[in-house]
């Protein structure tokens, strides 16, 4: 009988796989420093059923970033603020991309609606901002009904 090999996918960046001693070695930090960072809320490692800490690849990268910031003379409160602002910036960038995609869908729907209408030679030219390309730096307001 042929034996089937099982392929196991490598853990993702959020999979909590490293115990505290390995995380400390990978980051060059003391295990007590990792516990302090957790107590201060700078990092939140995963937990096993028995309560042991488990760090992910993403946690390791965050610990390295914290280490770089503190070694350049930034205090822990400053590090907390920097991390908070970076997270906010990422969230705003993601939301901006969502809104841009939504705007494009709205523009296309409006174009299709206008294209289906019979042409009226007496109608004024279209001045809807959603159908005009705006120059960089100009603002555009799109109203959306609540659903």
C-alpha atoms as a PDB file:
ATOM      1  CA  UNK A   1       0.000   0.000   0.000  1.00  0.00           C
ATOM      2  CA  UNK A   2       1.400   3.383  -0.969  1.00  0.00           C
ATOM      3  CA  UNK A   3       2.195   5.677   1.895  1.00  0.00           C
ATOM      4  CA  UNK A   4       0.912   9.215   1.614  1.00  0.00           C
ATOM      5  CA  UNK A   5       3.161  11.987   2.807  1.00  0.00           C
ATOM      6  CA  UNK A   6       1.545  14.723   4.799  1.00  0.00           C
ATOM      7  CA  UNK A   7       2.609  18.218   4.044  1.00  0.00           C
ATOM      8  CA  UNK A   8       2.401  20.671   6.873  1.00  0.00           C
ATOM      9  CA  UNK A   9       2.209  24.346   6.093  1.00  0.00           C
ATOM     10  CA  UNK A  10       4.681  26.525   7.970  1.00  0.00           C
ATOM     11  CA  UNK A  11       3.128  28.587  10.749  1.00  0.00           C
ATOM     12  CA  UNK A  12       1.915  32.051   9.804  1.00  0.00           C
ATOM     13  CA  UNK A  13       3.394  35.258  11.214  1.00  0.00           C
ATOM     14  CA  UNK A  14       0.790  35.343  13.979  1.00  0.00           C
ATOM     15  CA  UNK A  15       1.209  31.734  15.109  1.00  0.00           C
ATOM     16  CA  UNK A  16       2.495  31.754  18.681  1.00  0.00           C
ATOM     17  CA  UNK A  17       5.311  29.205  18.553  1.00  0.00           C
ATOM     18  CA  UNK A  18       8.323  30.520  20.522  1.00  0.00           C
ATOM     19  CA  UNK A  19       8.719  30.053  24.260  1.00  0.00           C
ATOM     20  CA  UNK A  20      10.065  33.026  26.207  1.00  0.00           C
ATOM     21  CA  UNK A  21      13.659  31.769  26.301  1.00  0.00           C
ATOM     22  CA  UNK A  22      13.755  31.381  22.507  1.00  0.00           C
ATOM     23  CA  UNK A  23      12.099  34.780  22.000  1.00  0.00           C
ATOM     24  CA  UNK A  24      14.671  36.341  24.313  1.00  0.00           C
ATOM     25  CA  UNK A  25      17.518  34.722  22.402  1.00  0.00           C
ATOM     26  CA  UNK A  26      16.105  35.750  19.014  1.00  0.00           C
ATOM     27  CA  UNK A  27      15.726  39.378  20.103  1.00  0.00           C
ATOM     28  CA  UNK A  28      18.820  39.698  22.272  1.00  0.00           C
ATOM     29  CA  UNK A  29      16.673  40.732  25.225  1.00  0.00           C
ATOM     30  CA  UNK A  30      16.528  39.243  28.707  1.00  0.00           C
ATOM     31  CA  UNK A  31      13.403  37.177  29.474  1.00  0.00           C
ATOM     32  CA  UNK A  32      12.611  39.550  32.355  1.00  0.00           C
ATOM     33  CA  UNK A  33      12.618  42.436  29.855  1.00  0.00           C
ATOM     34  CA  UNK A  34      10.024  40.591  27.782  1.00  0.00           C
ATOM     35  CA  UNK A  35       7.879  40.143  30.883  1.00  0.00           C
ATOM     36  CA  UNK A  36       8.243  43.860  31.671  1.00  0.00           C
ATOM     37  CA  UNK A  37       7.203  44.829  28.141  1.00  0.00           C
ATOM     38  CA  UNK A  38       4.161  42.603  28.506  1.00  0.00           C
ATOM     39  CA  UNK A  39       3.286  44.093  31.897  1.00  0.00           C
ATOM     40  CA  UNK A  40       3.529  47.601  30.357  1.00  0.00           C
ATOM     41  CA  UNK A  41       1.245  46.555  27.496  1.00  0.00           C
ATOM     42  CA  UNK A  42       3.848  46.965  24.747  1.00  0.00           C
ATOM     43  CA  UNK A  43       3.426  43.347  23.655  1.00  0.00           C
ATOM     44  CA  UNK A  44       0.819  40.660  24.227  1.00  0.00           C
ATOM     45  CA  UNK A  45       2.175  37.163  23.625  1.00  0.00           C
ATOM     46  CA  UNK A  46      -0.118  34.208  23.190  1.00  0.00           C
ATOM     47  CA  UNK A  47      -0.690  31.825  26.082  1.00  0.00           C
ATOM     48  CA  UNK A  48      -0.775  28.077  26.357  1.00  0.00           C
ATOM     49  CA  UNK A  49      -3.510  26.282  28.267  1.00  0.00           C
ATOM     50  CA  UNK A  50      -1.178  26.206  31.268  1.00  0.00           C
ATOM     51  CA  UNK A  51      -0.454  29.950  31.039  1.00  0.00           C
ATOM     52  CA  UNK A  52       2.987  29.791  29.411  1.00  0.00           C
ATOM     53  CA  UNK A  53       3.927  32.610  27.063  1.00  0.00           C
ATOM     54  CA  UNK A  54       4.247  31.907  23.347  1.00  0.00           C
ATOM     55  CA  UNK A  55       5.627  34.487  20.938  1.00  0.00           C
ATOM     56  CA  UNK A  56       4.908  34.701  17.201  1.00  0.00           C
ATOM     57  CA  UNK A  57       7.171  35.905  14.396  1.00  0.00           C
ATOM     58  CA  UNK A  58       5.251  39.182  14.465  1.00  0.00           C
ATOM     59  CA  UNK A  59       5.897  39.458  18.216  1.00  0.00           C
ATOM     60  CA  UNK A  60       9.622  38.897  17.606  1.00  0.00           C
ATOM     61  CA  UNK A  61       9.677  41.700  15.024  1.00  0.00           C
ATOM     62  CA  UNK A  62       7.829  43.993  17.417  1.00  0.00           C
ATOM     63  CA  UNK A  63      10.295  43.184  20.207  1.00  0.00           C
ATOM     64  CA  UNK A  64      13.184  43.988  17.860  1.00  0.00           C
ATOM     65  CA  UNK A  65      11.557  47.302  16.974  1.00  0.00           C
ATOM     66  CA  UNK A  66      11.079  48.131  20.665  1.00  0.00           C
ATOM     67  CA  UNK A  67      14.698  47.200  21.303  1.00  0.00           C
ATOM     68  CA  UNK A  68      15.896  49.455  18.461  1.00  0.00           C
ATOM     69  CA  UNK A  69      13.840  52.370  19.756  1.00  0.00           C
ATOM     70  CA  UNK A  70      14.980  52.018  23.354  1.00  0.00           C
ATOM     71  CA  UNK A  71      18.619  51.581  22.350  1.00  0.00           C
ATOM     72  CA  UNK A  72      18.394  54.864  20.425  1.00  0.00           C
ATOM     73  CA  UNK A  73      17.425  56.627  23.653  1.00  0.00           C
ATOM     74  CA  UNK A  74      13.630  56.638  23.466  1.00  0.00           C
ATOM     75  CA  UNK A  75      11.867  55.914  26.750  1.00  0.00           C
ATOM     76  CA  UNK A  76       9.221  53.236  27.107  1.00  0.00           C
ATOM     77  CA  UNK A  77       6.400  55.780  27.156  1.00  0.00           C
ATOM     78  CA  UNK A  78       7.770  57.235  23.917  1.00  0.00           C
ATOM     79  CA  UNK A  79       7.976  53.724  22.450  1.00  0.00           C
ATOM     80  CA  UNK A  80       4.354  53.129  23.427  1.00  0.00           C
ATOM     81  CA  UNK A  81       3.302  56.344  21.686  1.00  0.00           C
ATOM     82  CA  UNK A  82       5.327  55.541  18.548  1.00  0.00           C
ATOM     83  CA  UNK A  83       3.792  52.059  18.315  1.00  0.00           C
ATOM     84  CA  UNK A  84       0.318  53.507  18.847  1.00  0.00           C
ATOM     85  CA  UNK A  85       0.845  56.075  16.080  1.00  0.00           C
ATOM     86  CA  UNK A  86       2.234  53.420  13.711  1.00  0.00           C
ATOM     87  CA  UNK A  87      -0.829  51.236  14.331  1.00  0.00           C
ATOM     88  CA  UNK A  88      -3.146  54.189  13.784  1.00  0.00           C
ATOM     89  CA  UNK A  89      -1.309  55.110  10.583  1.00  0.00           C
ATOM     90  CA  UNK A  90      -1.665  51.547   9.241  1.00  0.00           C
ATOM     91  CA  UNK A  91      -5.370  51.502  10.111  1.00  0.00           C
ATOM     92  CA  UNK A  92      -5.952  54.863   8.419  1.00  0.00           C
ATOM     93  CA  UNK A  93      -4.057  53.767   5.308  1.00  0.00           C
ATOM     94  CA  UNK A  94      -6.180  50.605   5.103  1.00  0.00           C
ATOM     95  CA  UNK A  95      -9.382  52.613   5.566  1.00  0.00           C
ATOM     96  CA  UNK A  96      -8.230  55.060   2.898  1.00  0.00           C
ATOM     97  CA  UNK A  97      -7.753  52.183   0.448  1.00  0.00           C
ATOM     98  CA  UNK A  98     -11.251  50.917   1.262  1.00  0.00           C
ATOM     99  CA  UNK A  99     -12.731  54.360   0.609  1.00  0.00           C
ATOM    100  CA  UNK A 100     -10.827  54.727  -2.663  1.00  0.00           C
ATOM    101  CA  UNK A 101     -12.174  51.365  -3.829  1.00  0.00           C
ATOM    102  CA  UNK A 102     -15.693  52.332  -2.764  1.00  0.00           C
ATOM    103  CA  UNK A 103     -15.383  55.646  -4.607  1.00  0.00           C
ATOM    104  CA  UNK A 104     -14.307  53.877  -7.798  1.00  0.00           C
ATOM    105  CA  UNK A 105     -17.279  51.517  -7.573  1.00  0.00           C
ATOM    106  CA  UNK A 106     -19.597  54.497  -7.039  1.00  0.00           C
ATOM    107  CA  UNK A 107     -18.064  56.375  -9.971  1.00  0.00           C
ATOM    108  CA  UNK A 108     -18.465  53.370 -12.246  1.00  0.00           C
ATOM    109  CA  UNK A 109     -22.089  52.844 -11.191  1.00  0.00           C
ATOM    110  CA  UNK A 110     -22.847  56.493 -11.861  1.00  0.00           C
ATOM    111  CA  UNK A 111     -21.122  56.358 -15.244  1.00  0.00           C
ATOM    112  CA  UNK A 112     -23.175  53.315 -16.218  1.00  0.00           C
ATOM    113  CA  UNK A 113     -26.383  54.969 -15.041  1.00  0.00           C
ATOM    114  CA  UNK A 114     -25.650  58.109 -17.033  1.00  0.00           C
ATOM    115  CA  UNK A 115     -24.646  56.075 -20.090  1.00  0.00           C
ATOM    116  CA  UNK A 116     -28.033  54.296 -20.100  1.00  0.00           C
ATOM    117  CA  UNK A 117     -29.947  57.579 -20.104  1.00  0.00           C
ATOM    118  CA  UNK A 118     -30.981  58.951 -23.469  1.00  0.00           C
ATOM    119  CA  UNK A 119     -28.923  61.961 -24.487  1.00  0.00           C
ATOM    120  CA  UNK A 120     -30.705  65.264 -24.024  1.00  0.00           C
ATOM    121  CA  UNK A 121     -29.098  67.993 -26.107  1.00  0.00           C
ATOM    122  CA  UNK A 122     -30.696  70.677 -23.905  1.00  0.00           C
ATOM    123  CA  UNK A 123     -29.407  69.230 -20.620  1.00  0.00           C
ATOM    124  CA  UNK A 124     -26.573  71.127 -18.949  1.00  0.00           C
ATOM    125  CA  UNK A 125     -23.136  69.480 -18.978  1.00  0.00           C
ATOM    126  CA  UNK A 126     -22.382  67.064 -16.183  1.00  0.00           C
ATOM    127  CA  UNK A 127     -20.795  68.836 -13.231  1.00  0.00           C
ATOM    128  CA  UNK A 128     -20.942  65.994 -10.764  1.00  0.00           C
ATOM    129  CA  UNK A 129     -17.585  65.816  -8.975  1.00  0.00           C
ATOM    130  CA  UNK A 130     -17.752  62.039  -8.784  1.00  0.00           C
ATOM    131  CA  UNK A 131     -17.306  61.871 -12.556  1.00  0.00           C
ATOM    132  CA  UNK A 132     -14.534  64.438 -12.819  1.00  0.00           C
ATOM    133  CA  UNK A 133     -10.951  63.509 -12.197  1.00  0.00           C
ATOM    134  CA  UNK A 134      -9.602  65.761  -9.495  1.00  0.00           C
ATOM    135  CA  UNK A 135      -6.105  67.150  -9.442  1.00  0.00           C
ATOM    136  CA  UNK A 136      -3.831  66.061  -6.577  1.00  0.00           C
ATOM    137  CA  UNK A 137      -4.533  68.063  -3.459  1.00  0.00           C
ATOM    138  CA  UNK A 138      -8.181  68.694  -4.275  1.00  0.00           C
ATOM    139  CA  UNK A 139     -10.826  67.308  -1.999  1.00  0.00           C
ATOM    140  CA  UNK A 140     -13.881  65.353  -2.968  1.00  0.00           C
ATOM    141  CA  UNK A 141     -16.908  64.738  -0.789  1.00  0.00           C
ATOM    142  CA  UNK A 142     -19.095  61.725  -1.521  1.00  0.00           C
ATOM    143  CA  UNK A 143     -22.346  61.418   0.342  1.00  0.00           C
ATOM    144  CA  UNK A 144     -23.499  57.965   1.261  1.00  0.00           C
ATOM    145  CA  UNK A 145     -26.892  56.968   2.587  1.00  0.00           C
ATOM    146  CA  UNK A 146     -26.924  54.877   5.742  1.00  0.00           C
ATOM    147  CA  UNK A 147     -28.183  51.408   5.110  1.00  0.00           C
END
